[in-house]
Every structure is written in C-alpha cells, then in structure tokens.
C-alpha atoms as a PDB file:
ATOM      1  CA  UNK A   1     172.088  45.268 -98.650  1.00  0.00           C
ATOM      2  CA  UNK A   2     173.160  47.017 -95.354  1.00  0.00           C
ATOM      3  CA  UNK A   3     175.815  45.077 -93.213  1.00  0.00           C
ATOM      4  CA  UNK A   4     178.574  45.907 -91.067  1.00  0.00           C
ATOM      5  CA  UNK A   5     181.449  45.995 -93.156  1.00  0.00           C
ATOM      6  CA  UNK A   6     185.842  45.752 -92.522  1.00  0.00           C
ATOM      7  CA  UNK A   7     186.169  49.130 -93.494  1.00  0.00           C
ATOM      8  CA  UNK A   8     182.897  50.506 -92.144  1.00  0.00           C
ATOM      9  CA  UNK A   9     183.626  48.716 -88.702  1.00  0.00           C
ATOM     10  CA  UNK A  10     187.871  49.631 -88.863  1.00  0.00           C
ATOM     11  CA  UNK A  11     186.147  53.438 -88.827  1.00  0.00           C
ATOM     12  CA  UNK A  12     184.285  53.117 -85.837  1.00  0.00           C
ATOM     13  CA  UNK A  13     187.156  51.771 -83.849  1.00  0.00           C
ATOM     14  CA  UNK A  14     189.308  54.673 -84.835  1.00  0.00           C
ATOM     15  CA  UNK A  15     187.511  56.702 -83.068  1.00  0.00           C
ATOM     16  CA  UNK A  16     187.951  55.708 -79.875  1.00  0.00           C
ATOM     17  CA  UNK A  17     191.430  55.153 -79.912  1.00  0.00           C
ATOM     18  CA  UNK A  18     192.112  55.661 -76.664  1.00  0.00           C
ATOM     19  CA  UNK A  19     190.733  52.012 -76.230  1.00  0.00           C
ATOM     20  CA  UNK A  20     193.453  50.319 -78.725  1.00  0.00           C
ATOM     21  CA  UNK A  21     196.199  50.144 -76.044  1.00  0.00           C
ATOM     22  CA  UNK A  22     193.967  48.305 -73.689  1.00  0.00           C
ATOM     23  CA  UNK A  23     192.965  45.642 -76.700  1.00  0.00           C
ATOM     24  CA  UNK A  24     189.511  46.626 -76.601  1.00  0.00           C
ATOM     25  CA  UNK A  25     188.465  45.551 -80.201  1.00  0.00           C
ATOM     26  CA  UNK A  26     189.042  42.285 -81.688  1.00  0.00           C
ATOM     27  CA  UNK A  27     189.022  40.680 -85.384  1.00  0.00           C
ATOM     28  CA  UNK A  28     186.267  38.029 -86.244  1.00  0.00           C
ATOM     29  CA  UNK A  29     184.961  37.154 -89.187  1.00  0.00           C
ATOM     30  CA  UNK A  30     187.264  40.295 -90.683  1.00  0.00           C
ATOM     31  CA  UNK A  31     184.871  43.134 -88.708  1.00  0.00           C
ATOM     32  CA  UNK A  32     186.365  44.940 -85.837  1.00  0.00           C
ATOM     33  CA  UNK A  33     184.599  44.496 -83.213  1.00  0.00           C
ATOM     34  CA  UNK A  34     184.439  45.791 -79.551  1.00  0.00           C
ATOM     35  CA  UNK A  35     184.906  42.929 -76.639  1.00  0.00           C
ATOM     36  CA  UNK A  36     181.697  44.547 -75.086  1.00  0.00           C
ATOM     37  CA  UNK A  37     178.473  43.603 -77.036  1.00  0.00           C
ATOM     38  CA  UNK A  38     174.805  44.713 -75.434  1.00  0.00           C
ATOM     39  CA  UNK A  39     172.481  42.334 -74.604  1.00  0.00           C
ATOM     40  CA  UNK A  40     168.624  42.672 -74.398  1.00  0.00           C
ATOM     41  CA  UNK A  41     167.111  39.768 -73.203  1.00  0.00           C
ATOM     42  CA  UNK A  42     165.411  40.917 -70.104  1.00  0.00           C
ATOM     43  CA  UNK A  43     164.162  44.868 -69.091  1.00  0.00           C
ATOM     44  CA  UNK A  44     161.956  47.574 -70.579  1.00  0.00           C
ATOM     45  CA  UNK A  45     161.803  50.679 -72.741  1.00  0.00           C
ATOM     46  CA  UNK A  46     165.172  51.971 -71.998  1.00  0.00           C
ATOM     47  CA  UNK A  47     166.728  49.901 -74.314  1.00  0.00           C
ATOM     48  CA  UNK A  48     166.278  52.546 -76.792  1.00  0.00           C
ATOM     49  CA  UNK A  49     168.850  54.975 -74.827  1.00  0.00           C
ATOM     50  CA  UNK A  50     170.686  52.048 -73.359  1.00  0.00           C
ATOM     51  CA  UNK A  51     171.751  50.914 -77.882  1.00  0.00           C
ATOM     52  CA  UNK A  52     172.358  54.757 -78.346  1.00  0.00           C
ATOM     53  CA  UNK A  53     174.479  54.838 -75.621  1.00  0.00           C
ATOM     54  CA  UNK A  54     176.449  51.782 -76.352  1.00  0.00           C
ATOM     55  CA  UNK A  55     177.001  52.953 -80.003  1.00  0.00           C
ATOM     56  CA  UNK A  56     178.527  56.898 -79.034  1.00  0.00           C
ATOM     57  CA  UNK A  57     180.762  55.545 -76.308  1.00  0.00           C
ATOM     58  CA  UNK A  58     182.670  52.178 -77.953  1.00  0.00           C
ATOM     59  CA  UNK A  59     180.121  49.027 -78.073  1.00  0.00           C
ATOM     60  CA  UNK A  60     179.821  48.139 -81.757  1.00  0.00           C
ATOM     61  CA  UNK A  61     178.299  44.614 -80.770  1.00  0.00           C
ATOM     62  CA  UNK A  62     174.702  44.572 -80.576  1.00  0.00           C
ATOM     63  CA  UNK A  63     172.763  41.503 -79.634  1.00  0.00           C
ATOM     64  CA  UNK A  64     169.146  40.075 -79.352  1.00  0.00           C
ATOM     65  CA  UNK A  65     165.926  37.835 -80.689  1.00  0.00           C
ATOM     66  CA  UNK A  66     163.036  37.972 -81.849  1.00  0.00           C
ATOM     67  CA  UNK A  67     161.198  36.603 -78.423  1.00  0.00           C
ATOM     68  CA  UNK A  68     163.180  38.720 -76.181  1.00  0.00           C
ATOM     69  CA  UNK A  69     160.350  40.334 -74.241  1.00  0.00           C
ATOM     70  CA  UNK A  70     157.959  39.099 -77.275  1.00  0.00           C
ATOM     71  CA  UNK A  71     159.230  41.137 -80.106  1.00  0.00           C
ATOM     72  CA  UNK A  72     159.755  44.750 -77.637  1.00  0.00           C
ATOM     73  CA  UNK A  73     163.756  44.436 -77.486  1.00  0.00           C
ATOM     74  CA  UNK A  74     164.047  44.376 -81.544  1.00  0.00           C
ATOM     75  CA  UNK A  75     161.479  47.305 -81.397  1.00  0.00           C
ATOM     76  CA  UNK A  76     163.527  49.356 -78.724  1.00  0.00           C
ATOM     77  CA  UNK A  77     166.741  48.650 -81.323  1.00  0.00           C
ATOM     78  CA  UNK A  78     165.013  49.685 -84.344  1.00  0.00           C
ATOM     79  CA  UNK A  79     163.709  53.151 -82.096  1.00  0.00           C
ATOM     80  CA  UNK A  80     167.529  53.129 -81.724  1.00  0.00           C
ATOM     81  CA  UNK A  81     168.503  52.764 -85.244  1.00  0.00           C
ATOM     82  CA  UNK A  82     166.876  55.276 -86.875  1.00  0.00           C
ATOM     83  CA  UNK A  83     168.242  57.515 -85.010  1.00  0.00           C
ATOM     84  CA  UNK A  84     171.860  56.983 -84.207  1.00  0.00           C
ATOM     85  CA  UNK A  85     174.465  58.728 -86.015  1.00  0.00           C
ATOM     86  CA  UNK A  86     176.163  55.404 -86.405  1.00  0.00           C
ATOM     87  CA  UNK A  87     176.597  54.684 -90.144  1.00  0.00           C
ATOM     88  CA  UNK A  88     175.117  50.534 -90.267  1.00  0.00           C
ATOM     89  CA  UNK A  89     178.090  49.591 -91.742  1.00  0.00           C
ATOM     90  CA  UNK A  90     180.344  50.316 -88.864  1.00  0.00           C
ATOM     91  CA  UNK A  91     177.931  47.648 -86.165  1.00  0.00           C
ATOM     92  CA  UNK A  92     177.261  44.328 -85.716  1.00  0.00           C
ATOM     93  CA  UNK A  93     173.814  43.407 -85.099  1.00  0.00           C
ATOM     94  CA  UNK A  94     172.193  40.115 -84.572  1.00  0.00           C
ATOM     95  CA  UNK A  95     169.466  38.236 -83.434  1.00  0.00           C
ATOM     96  CA  UNK A  96     167.790  34.708 -83.465  1.00  0.00           C
ATOM     97  CA  UNK A  97     164.751  32.607 -84.219  1.00  0.00           C
ATOM     98  CA  UNK A  98     163.967  29.189 -83.237  1.00  0.00           C
ATOM     99  CA  UNK A  99     160.882  29.644 -80.217  1.00  0.00           C
ATOM    100  CA  UNK A 100     157.693  30.205 -80.924  1.00  0.00           C
ATOM    101  CA  UNK A 101     156.447  33.504 -80.189  1.00  0.00           C
ATOM    102  CA  UNK A 102     152.490  35.055 -79.254  1.00  0.00           C
ATOM    103  CA  UNK A 103     151.504  37.328 -82.099  1.00  0.00           C
ATOM    104  CA  UNK A 104     154.441  35.796 -84.856  1.00  0.00           C
ATOM    105  CA  UNK A 105     153.635  32.709 -85.083  1.00  0.00           C
ATOM    106  CA  UNK A 106     153.014  30.981 -89.223  1.00  0.00           C
ATOM    107  CA  UNK A 107     150.000  28.693 -88.594  1.00  0.00           C
ATOM    108  CA  UNK A 108     149.391  29.447 -92.410  1.00  0.00           C
ATOM    109  CA  UNK A 109     152.778  27.829 -93.080  1.00  0.00           C
ATOM    110  CA  UNK A 110     153.877  25.226 -90.779  1.00  0.00           C
ATOM    111  CA  UNK A 111     152.710  22.163 -89.582  1.00  0.00           C
ATOM    112  CA  UNK A 112     152.625  19.950 -86.514  1.00  0.00           C
ATOM    113  CA  UNK A 113     155.608  17.998 -87.602  1.00  0.00           C
ATOM    114  CA  UNK A 114     157.298  21.494 -88.180  1.00  0.00           C
ATOM    115  CA  UNK A 115     156.642  21.955 -83.953  1.00  0.00           C
ATOM    116  CA  UNK A 116     158.109  20.253 -81.075  1.00  0.00           C
ATOM    117  CA  UNK A 117     157.339  20.974 -77.773  1.00  0.00           C
ATOM    118  CA  UNK A 118     154.195  23.328 -78.972  1.00  0.00           C
ATOM    119  CA  UNK A 119     157.522  26.093 -78.751  1.00  0.00           C
ATOM    120  CA  UNK A 120     160.384  25.429 -81.063  1.00  0.00           C
ATOM    121  CA  UNK A 121     161.255  25.409 -84.530  1.00  0.00           C
ATOM    122  CA  UNK A 122     164.191  25.001 -87.191  1.00  0.00           C
ATOM    123  CA  UNK A 123     161.860  24.518 -90.419  1.00  0.00           C
ATOM    124  CA  UNK A 124     163.110  26.461 -93.718  1.00  0.00           C
ATOM    125  CA  UNK A 125     158.968  28.452 -93.610  1.00  0.00           C
ATOM    126  CA  UNK A 126     158.952  29.419 -89.985  1.00  0.00           C
ATOM    127  CA  UNK A 127     163.037  31.117 -89.770  1.00  0.00           C
ATOM    128  CA  UNK A 128     162.195  33.128 -93.480  1.00  0.00           C
ATOM    129  CA  UNK A 129     159.022  34.185 -91.336  1.00  0.00           C
ATOM    130  CA  UNK A 130     160.499  35.136 -88.316  1.00  0.00           C
ATOM    131  CA  UNK A 131     163.545  36.297 -90.492  1.00  0.00           C
ATOM    132  CA  UNK A 132     161.000  38.564 -92.369  1.00  0.00           C
ATOM    133  CA  UNK A 133     159.202  39.602 -88.425  1.00  0.00           C
ATOM    134  CA  UNK A 134     162.921  41.178 -87.332  1.00  0.00           C
ATOM    135  CA  UNK A 135     163.819  42.784 -90.381  1.00  0.00           C
ATOM    136  CA  UNK A 136     160.554  44.825 -89.684  1.00  0.00           C
ATOM    137  CA  UNK A 137     160.806  45.350 -85.940  1.00  0.00           C
ATOM    138  CA  UNK A 138     164.620  46.250 -86.379  1.00  0.00           C
ATOM    139  CA  UNK A 139     164.125  48.905 -89.502  1.00  0.00           C
ATOM    140  CA  UNK A 140     167.066  47.548 -91.674  1.00  0.00           C
ATOM    141  CA  UNK A 141     167.384  45.473 -94.845  1.00  0.00           C
ATOM    142  CA  UNK A 142     170.068  42.659 -93.497  1.00  0.00           C
ATOM    143  CA  UNK A 143     171.233  41.000 -90.564  1.00  0.00           C
ATOM    144  CA  UNK A 144     174.806  40.668 -89.686  1.00  0.00           C
ATOM    145  CA  UNK A 145     174.581  37.144 -87.396  1.00  0.00           C
ATOM    146  CA  UNK A 146     171.106  35.311 -87.468  1.00  0.00           C
ATOM    147  CA  UNK A 147     171.424  32.068 -84.614  1.00  0.00           C
ATOM    148  CA  UNK A 148     168.888  29.159 -84.883  1.00  0.00           C
ATOM    149  CA  UNK A 149     167.881  30.165 -81.040  1.00  0.00           C
ATOM    150  CA  UNK A 150     168.545  26.688 -78.881  1.00  0.00           C
ATOM    151  CA  UNK A 151     168.411  24.144 -81.258  1.00  0.00           C
ATOM    152  CA  UNK A 152     169.683  21.256 -78.600  1.00  0.00           C
ATOM    153  CA  UNK A 153     166.197  22.056 -76.967  1.00  0.00           C
ATOM    154  CA  UNK A 154     165.157  19.898 -80.962  1.00  0.00           C
ATOM    155  CA  UNK A 155     167.640  17.022 -78.670  1.00  0.00           C
ATOM    156  CA  UNK A 156     164.142  16.522 -76.566  1.00  0.00           C
ATOM    157  CA  UNK A 157     161.589  15.518 -78.576  1.00  0.00           C
ATOM    158  CA  UNK A 158     164.184  14.016 -81.874  1.00  0.00           C
ATOM    159  CA  UNK A 159     167.625  11.925 -81.307  1.00  0.00           C
ATOM    160  CA  UNK A 160     170.794  13.005 -83.549  1.00  0.00           C
ATOM    161  CA  UNK A 161     170.127  12.068 -86.651  1.00  0.00           C
ATOM    162  CA  UNK A 162     166.835  13.186 -87.182  1.00  0.00           C
ATOM    163  CA  UNK A 163     168.263  16.548 -85.412  1.00  0.00           C
ATOM    164  CA  UNK A 164     170.857  17.032 -88.253  1.00  0.00           C
ATOM    165  CA  UNK A 165     168.808  16.549 -90.959  1.00  0.00           C
ATOM    166  CA  UNK A 166     166.540  18.849 -89.459  1.00  0.00           C
ATOM    167  CA  UNK A 167     169.818  21.055 -89.230  1.00  0.00           C
ATOM    168  CA  UNK A 168     170.993  20.137 -93.059  1.00  0.00           C
ATOM    169  CA  UNK A 169     167.859  21.723 -93.874  1.00  0.00           C
ATOM    170  CA  UNK A 170     167.836  25.409 -91.728  1.00  0.00           C
ATOM    171  CA  UNK A 171     171.464  25.685 -92.767  1.00  0.00           C
ATOM    172  CA  UNK A 172     170.217  24.822 -96.738  1.00  0.00           C
ATOM    173  CA  UNK A 173     167.571  27.996 -96.213  1.00  0.00           C
ATOM    174  CA  UNK A 174     169.628  29.832 -94.149  1.00  0.00           C
ATOM    175  CA  UNK A 175     172.405  29.821 -97.740  1.00  0.00           C
ATOM    176  CA  UNK A 176     169.491  30.891 -99.524  1.00  0.00           C
ATOM    177  CA  UNK A 177     168.528  33.434 -97.351  1.00  0.00           C
ATOM    178  CA  UNK A 178     172.652  35.106 -97.224  1.00  0.00           C
ATOM    179  CA  UNK A 179     172.901  34.351-101.030  1.00  0.00           C
ATOM    180  CA  UNK A 180     169.409  37.135-101.455  1.00  0.00           C
ATOM    181  CA  UNK A 181     171.327  39.575 -99.125  1.00  0.00           C
ATOM    182  CA  UNK A 182     169.229  38.987 -95.658  1.00  0.00           C
ATOM    183  CA  UNK A 183     171.553  38.177 -93.536  1.00  0.00           C
ATOM    184  CA  UNK A 184     175.514  37.836 -93.557  1.00  0.00           C
ATOM    185  CA  UNK A 185     175.903  34.463 -91.658  1.00  0.00           C
ATOM    186  CA  UNK A 186     173.835  32.481 -89.398  1.00  0.00           C
ATOM    187  CA  UNK A 187     175.063  30.402 -86.253  1.00  0.00           C
ATOM    188  CA  UNK A 188     173.483  28.732 -83.014  1.00  0.00           C
ATOM    189  CA  UNK A 189     172.876  30.779 -80.111  1.00  0.00           C
ATOM    190  CA  UNK A 190     172.964  27.967 -77.116  1.00  0.00           C
ATOM    191  CA  UNK A 191     172.379  27.718 -73.417  1.00  0.00           C
ATOM    192  CA  UNK A 192     173.493  23.619 -72.786  1.00  0.00           C
ATOM    193  CA  UNK A 193     174.088  22.874 -76.661  1.00  0.00           C
ATOM    194  CA  UNK A 194     178.290  23.177 -76.233  1.00  0.00           C
ATOM    195  CA  UNK A 195     178.892  23.071 -72.398  1.00  0.00           C
ATOM    196  CA  UNK A 196     177.512  19.080 -72.448  1.00  0.00           C
ATOM    197  CA  UNK A 197     178.443  16.295 -73.608  1.00  0.00           C
ATOM    198  CA  UNK A 198     174.943  14.119 -72.861  1.00  0.00           C
ATOM    199  CA  UNK A 199     173.066  12.805 -75.970  1.00  0.00           C
ATOM    200  CA  UNK A 200     170.138  14.662 -75.315  1.00  0.00           C
ATOM    201  CA  UNK A 201     171.496  18.024 -74.962  1.00  0.00           C
ATOM    202  CA  UNK A 202     175.345  18.065 -76.513  1.00  0.00           C
ATOM    203  CA  UNK A 203     175.755  19.687 -79.894  1.00  0.00           C
ATOM    204  CA  UNK A 204     178.233  17.452 -82.320  1.00  0.00           C
ATOM    205  CA  UNK A 205     180.375  20.676 -83.776  1.00  0.00           C
ATOM    206  CA  UNK A 206     182.151  19.263 -85.679  1.00  0.00           C
ATOM    207  CA  UNK A 207     179.861  17.397 -87.699  1.00  0.00           C
ATOM    208  CA  UNK A 208     177.553  20.155 -87.474  1.00  0.00           C
ATOM    209  CA  UNK A 209     180.895  22.336 -89.357  1.00  0.00           C
ATOM    210  CA  UNK A 210     180.377  19.238 -92.185  1.00  0.00           C
ATOM    211  CA  UNK A 211     176.891  20.084 -92.982  1.00  0.00           C
ATOM    212  CA  UNK A 212     177.859  23.815 -93.334  1.00  0.00           C
ATOM    213  CA  UNK A 213     180.171  22.724 -95.565  1.00  0.00           C
ATOM    214  CA  UNK A 214     178.055  20.394 -97.802  1.00  0.00           C
ATOM    215  CA  UNK A 215     175.796  22.697 -98.099  1.00  0.00           C
ATOM    216  CA  UNK A 216     177.715  25.817 -98.700  1.00  0.00           C
ATOM    217  CA  UNK A 217     180.962  24.888 -99.980  1.00  0.00           C
ATOM    218  CA  UNK A 218     184.372  25.860 -98.160  1.00  0.00           C
ATOM    219  CA  UNK A 219     182.203  29.061 -97.997  1.00  0.00           C
ATOM    220  CA  UNK A 220     179.770  28.347 -96.052  1.00  0.00           C
ATOM    221  CA  UNK A 221     178.227  31.159 -94.078  1.00  0.00           C
ATOM    222  CA  UNK A 222     178.015  29.033 -90.831  1.00  0.00           C
ATOM    223  CA  UNK A 223     180.338  31.218 -88.844  1.00  0.00           C
ATOM    224  CA  UNK A 224     178.966  32.456 -85.049  1.00  0.00           C
ATOM    225  CA  UNK A 225     178.339  29.873 -81.956  1.00  0.00           C
ATOM    226  CA  UNK A 226     176.938  32.111 -79.196  1.00  0.00           C
ATOM    227  CA  UNK A 227     176.924  29.767 -75.331  1.00  0.00           C
ATOM    228  CA  UNK A 228     177.914  31.167 -71.590  1.00  0.00           C
ATOM    229  CA  UNK A 229     180.673  31.610 -70.480  1.00  0.00           C
ATOM    230  CA  UNK A 230     181.076  33.016 -67.265  1.00  0.00           C
ATOM    231  CA  UNK A 231     182.793  32.582 -63.914  1.00  0.00           C
ATOM    232  CA  UNK A 232     180.632  30.039 -62.982  1.00  0.00           C
ATOM    233  CA  UNK A 233     180.009  28.569 -66.133  1.00  0.00           C
ATOM    234  CA  UNK A 234     183.318  27.787 -68.011  1.00  0.00           C
ATOM    235  CA  UNK A 235     182.603  24.493 -69.679  1.00  0.00           C
ATOM    236  CA  UNK A 236     183.445  25.562 -73.019  1.00  0.00           C
ATOM    237  CA  UNK A 237     186.921  25.816 -72.547  1.00  0.00           C
ATOM    238  CA  UNK A 238     187.506  22.765 -69.662  1.00  0.00           C
ATOM    239  CA  UNK A 239     185.302  20.073 -70.745  1.00  0.00           C
ATOM    240  CA  UNK A 240     187.107  18.295 -73.645  1.00  0.00           C
ATOM    241  CA  UNK A 241     184.433  17.652 -76.111  1.00  0.00           C
ATOM    242  CA  UNK A 242     185.535  15.925 -79.782  1.00  0.00           C
ATOM    243  CA  UNK A 243     188.955  14.746 -80.535  1.00  0.00           C
ATOM    244  CA  UNK A 244     189.743  16.376 -76.802  1.00  0.00           C
ATOM    245  CA  UNK A 245     189.795  19.285 -77.907  1.00  0.00           C
ATOM    246  CA  UNK A 246     186.847  21.570 -75.864  1.00  0.00           C
ATOM    247  CA  UNK A 247     184.492  23.555 -77.951  1.00  0.00           C
ATOM    248  CA  UNK A 248     186.537  26.760 -77.875  1.00  0.00           C
ATOM    249  CA  UNK A 249     189.160  24.862 -79.115  1.00  0.00           C
ATOM    250  CA  UNK A 250     187.003  23.525 -81.868  1.00  0.00           C
ATOM    251  CA  UNK A 251     184.994  26.649 -82.850  1.00  0.00           C
ATOM    252  CA  UNK A 252     189.622  28.221 -83.645  1.00  0.00           C
ATOM    253  CA  UNK A 253     190.305  25.660 -85.969  1.00  0.00           C
ATOM    254  CA  UNK A 254     187.265  25.847 -87.792  1.00  0.00           C
ATOM    255  CA  UNK A 255     186.933  29.053 -88.429  1.00  0.00           C
ATOM    256  CA  UNK A 256     184.132  29.686 -86.406  1.00  0.00           C
ATOM    257  CA  UNK A 257     183.998  32.948 -83.733  1.00  0.00           C
ATOM    258  CA  UNK A 258     182.344  32.802 -80.381  1.00  0.00           C
ATOM    259  CA  UNK A 259     180.337  34.980 -78.785  1.00  0.00           C
ATOM    260  CA  UNK A 260     179.574  34.700 -74.781  1.00  0.00           C
ATOM    261  CA  UNK A 261     176.482  35.481 -73.605  1.00  0.00           C
ATOM    262  CA  UNK A 262     175.736  35.108 -69.948  1.00  0.00           C
ATOM    263  CA  UNK A 263     178.689  36.922 -68.809  1.00  0.00           C
ATOM    264  CA  UNK A 264     177.072  38.082 -65.550  1.00  0.00           C
ATOM    265  CA  UNK A 265     174.768  35.478 -65.066  1.00  0.00           C
ATOM    266  CA  UNK A 266     171.273  37.530 -65.272  1.00  0.00           C
ATOM    267  CA  UNK A 267     173.212  39.678 -62.226  1.00  0.00           C
ATOM    268  CA  UNK A 268     174.059  36.806 -60.437  1.00  0.00           C
ATOM    269  CA  UNK A 269     177.977  37.786 -60.556  1.00  0.00           C
ATOM    270  CA  UNK A 270     177.641  41.488 -60.274  1.00  0.00           C
ATOM    271  CA  UNK A 271     178.131  41.087 -56.944  1.00  0.00           C
ATOM    272  CA  UNK A 272     179.689  38.932 -53.924  1.00  0.00           C
ATOM    273  CA  UNK A 273     181.735  37.253 -55.590  1.00  0.00           C
ATOM    274  CA  UNK A 274     185.154  35.676 -53.512  1.00  0.00           C
ATOM    275  CA  UNK A 275     187.776  37.366 -51.968  1.00  0.00           C
ATOM    276  CA  UNK A 276     189.857  35.406 -54.452  1.00  0.00           C
ATOM    277  CA  UNK A 277     188.289  36.466 -57.486  1.00  0.00           C
ATOM    278  CA  UNK A 278     188.974  40.069 -56.814  1.00  0.00           C
ATOM    279  CA  UNK A 279     192.649  39.449 -56.216  1.00  0.00           C
ATOM    280  CA  UNK A 280     193.069  37.322 -59.735  1.00  0.00           C
ATOM    281  CA  UNK A 281     191.674  40.112 -61.431  1.00  0.00           C
ATOM    282  CA  UNK A 282     193.491  43.259 -59.251  1.00  0.00           C
ATOM    283  CA  UNK A 283     192.647  46.931 -61.070  1.00  0.00           C
ATOM    284  CA  UNK A 284     188.616  46.606 -61.331  1.00  0.00           C
ATOM    285  CA  UNK A 285     186.508  48.397 -59.220  1.00  0.00           C
ATOM    286  CA  UNK A 286     183.428  46.449 -58.895  1.00  0.00           C
ATOM    287  CA  UNK A 287     182.409  42.195 -59.386  1.00  0.00           C
ATOM    288  CA  UNK A 288     180.308  43.385 -62.444  1.00  0.00           C
ATOM    289  CA  UNK A 289     183.693  44.370 -63.939  1.00  0.00           C
ATOM    290  CA  UNK A 290     185.580  41.915 -62.607  1.00  0.00           C
ATOM    291  CA  UNK A 291     183.397  39.449 -64.533  1.00  0.00           C
ATOM    292  CA  UNK A 292     182.483  40.926 -67.340  1.00  0.00           C
ATOM    293  CA  UNK A 293     186.950  40.963 -67.215  1.00  0.00           C
ATOM    294  CA  UNK A 294     186.748  36.457 -66.492  1.00  0.00           C
ATOM    295  CA  UNK A 295     184.775  36.146 -69.935  1.00  0.00           C
ATOM    296  CA  UNK A 296     186.084  38.842 -72.294  1.00  0.00           C
ATOM    297  CA  UNK A 297     189.438  38.024 -71.053  1.00  0.00           C
ATOM    298  CA  UNK A 298     189.107  33.553 -72.297  1.00  0.00           C
ATOM    299  CA  UNK A 299     191.010  32.523 -74.708  1.00  0.00           C
ATOM    300  CA  UNK A 300     188.706  31.952 -77.843  1.00  0.00           C
ATOM    301  CA  UNK A 301     185.623  34.687 -76.856  1.00  0.00           C
ATOM    302  CA  UNK A 302     185.344  37.367 -79.506  1.00  0.00           C
ATOM    303  CA  UNK A 303     182.965  39.412 -77.685  1.00  0.00           C
ATOM    304  CA  UNK A 304     181.260  39.360 -74.430  1.00  0.00           C
ATOM    305  CA  UNK A 305     177.484  40.482 -74.304  1.00  0.00           C
ATOM    306  CA  UNK A 306     176.584  41.763 -70.540  1.00  0.00           C
ATOM    307  CA  UNK A 307     172.312  43.247 -70.702  1.00  0.00           C
ATOM    308  CA  UNK A 308     172.831  46.355 -70.722  1.00  0.00           C
ATOM    309  CA  UNK A 309     168.920  47.910 -70.659  1.00  0.00           C
ATOM    310  CA  UNK A 310     169.756  51.524 -69.667  1.00  0.00           C
ATOM    311  CA  UNK A 311     172.298  53.826 -70.440  1.00  0.00           C
ATOM    312  CA  UNK A 312     173.527  54.242 -67.053  1.00  0.00           C
ATOM    313  CA  UNK A 313     174.507  50.274 -67.273  1.00  0.00           C
ATOM    314  CA  UNK A 314     176.469  51.029 -70.922  1.00  0.00           C
ATOM    315  CA  UNK A 315     178.573  54.231 -68.757  1.00  0.00           C
ATOM    316  CA  UNK A 316     179.479  51.425 -66.017  1.00  0.00           C
ATOM    317  CA  UNK A 317     180.504  49.422 -68.194  1.00  0.00           C
ATOM    318  CA  UNK A 318     182.132  50.779 -70.522  1.00  0.00           C
ATOM    319  CA  UNK A 319     185.192  51.225 -67.507  1.00  0.00           C
ATOM    320  CA  UNK A 320     186.264  48.018 -68.543  1.00  0.00           C
ATOM    321  CA  UNK A 321     187.112  49.176 -72.226  1.00  0.00           C
ATOM    322  CA  UNK A 322     190.154  51.051 -70.054  1.00  0.00           C
ATOM    323  CA  UNK A 323     191.802  47.774 -69.040  1.00  0.00           C
ATOM    324  CA  UNK A 324     193.990  44.955 -71.521  1.00  0.00           C
ATOM    325  CA  UNK A 325     192.507  42.188 -71.094  1.00  0.00           C
ATOM    326  CA  UNK A 326     193.996  39.853 -67.931  1.00  0.00           C
ATOM    327  CA  UNK A 327     195.714  36.501 -67.878  1.00  0.00           C
ATOM    328  CA  UNK A 328     193.664  33.646 -67.100  1.00  0.00           C
ATOM    329  CA  UNK A 329     196.301  31.086 -67.207  1.00  0.00           C
ATOM    330  CA  UNK A 330     195.313  30.218 -63.386  1.00  0.00           C
ATOM    331  CA  UNK A 331     192.358  28.917 -64.515  1.00  0.00           C
ATOM    332  CA  UNK A 332     192.415  27.556 -67.946  1.00  0.00           C
ATOM    333  CA  UNK A 333     195.823  25.598 -67.029  1.00  0.00           C
ATOM    334  CA  UNK A 334     195.508  22.177 -68.688  1.00  0.00           C
END
C-alpha cells in the first residue's frame, strides 16, 4: 500500500524551502500539501508533461476523475507517475466516481435501481468497480482521496432521506475499501451541493458527517470535501448553511479538509477582471494569478485546484508561490 505520508510530504516541501516564507504549503489531515493543486478536467495528452512539471516545481496535490476526458486524464497521470522521480509518499492523489463513463460501466453488477437519470450511481458495486479502474489507470495501488462525484445529482431523483440512506451504504463500502488499503480517505466532490440551501441540491454536511461517524466511528475516513470557490462563487464562506455557520466553518468544526475547485472558473476568471480586484490583490502581474491568489487565501481552503493542461501553464501559475496569502478581510466581513 502506497499513500502520501506526513513524513514524505514534509520532505517534499522541504525541497522547496524558498516558498516556506510565503506559506505556500499547508497541513491537511497531517500531510503537507501545496496550496496550489493541479486539476485535470479539460485538456489533452500534454497533461503528462504538466504533471511532471508540477511535481518538479513544488505542487504535490493532483486531482482527477475517472470521467475526465473519458478516462484519458487518469491515463495521462499514470504515464507521468511512471516516470517521475518523486516518491509516491510525497504527493497526494485524488480521484472521483459517480458518473457513468462510456466503456467503463459494470453492467453485470448493477440494477436499474442503482442508477439515477441514466448517468449517476453511488451503489457499492459501482464504486468498487470504478475504484479498481482508477487504480489501474493511474498505475498505483492506493488512492489518497476518493470522492463521490457530484452526489447532489441524486437529489434530482430521490428525496433527502433516500439520499442519506444511499450515502450511508456508500460510506460503508468506502470504509471497507479503506480497511483494505485501497484508499486512505474518502469525501464528496461537489458543484452545487455545498453552495446552496435548496432542498433539491443542498447537502446537509452535519448529517453526512454523522453518517460517517455511525459507519466508521470517530476515526472515520470521510475527511475531504471539494467545492467551487472563486471570485464569482464565494457561497461556501458567505452563505450560512447550518446553525448559522458557513460550509467552510462547518468543515473546520468537523475536521474536514476543504479543497477548492474551479479557481479560474474554466479560464473565465483568467483575464478582464475589474480594476478593483487588482487594487485589492496588489503585486501580481496577471488576472489569472489574482484569481488563484484569491482562492488560496480564503480562510478554510487547503488547496486551490487549477486546471493546468501543459507544462507552460504550470510554470506560469507557480509564480503564486512567491507571494504570501492575501488578506481577504475586505471581502468577508461577517
């Protein structure tokens, strides 16, 4: 079993000590992780070079999903990991399962009731199958973080109580996968689930954590959530969700690490930002870096994911490591 370890990730960060004064690395579940992570949602085969560049530059958090580019993102990462000199215990690897992927559907293991909308499942047999495929694609024997991918999709087809029942069953499966050494932690990677309070999309984080505790005890492995957080999508910190707390506050209270996706909102926040943003985030030469800085500086965010589909993107975005996190108090006066 090969996972990221506290010792390994600390060793990795120590090789980039020039970034330490700028607090580029943070602690998440005992690991030392870069506050900039590489996402692999869109792109092409240049991802292999991008991953190699990221690991050699100071980024040790890699995020993907089986359904990204119909498995090609995982396969590109696998090619990179076979050639990187960075030891497995020094980087964090996360992937996701939930959406049905062409040529990767375990048709003989699932019934109609296991699938909603002909596109999404959280059934144990499905999750186990998808995890096996991801391990093979990535060429590793264990995943650090395995997410249920956009589980709020289920709420378009089932009520909240049925959703929670399905979540509990999924957590039981994932706790077994963790006990078998195939995953270290699991979580939920969402789009709307933790940004809204509406009944058909909002996920009740406190109840979900309680389910994890019922299934796995105090040492349960439900320790990560992923959600969009950027200059245009601040809801995780600005909307009170439960007990008057924001999702980021609830996560911190519950011992859950928050990873931010869509830091550049698929490049829509990479240019043409209002002048006020540049004034509020001085010293940065581009709107892309200003957007990344905003997300990685938000209280409660461990890592800001940015899609970097080639090595040049990595080199450009790593300029953020030369700047300490910004004071965002002007945005978040509560």
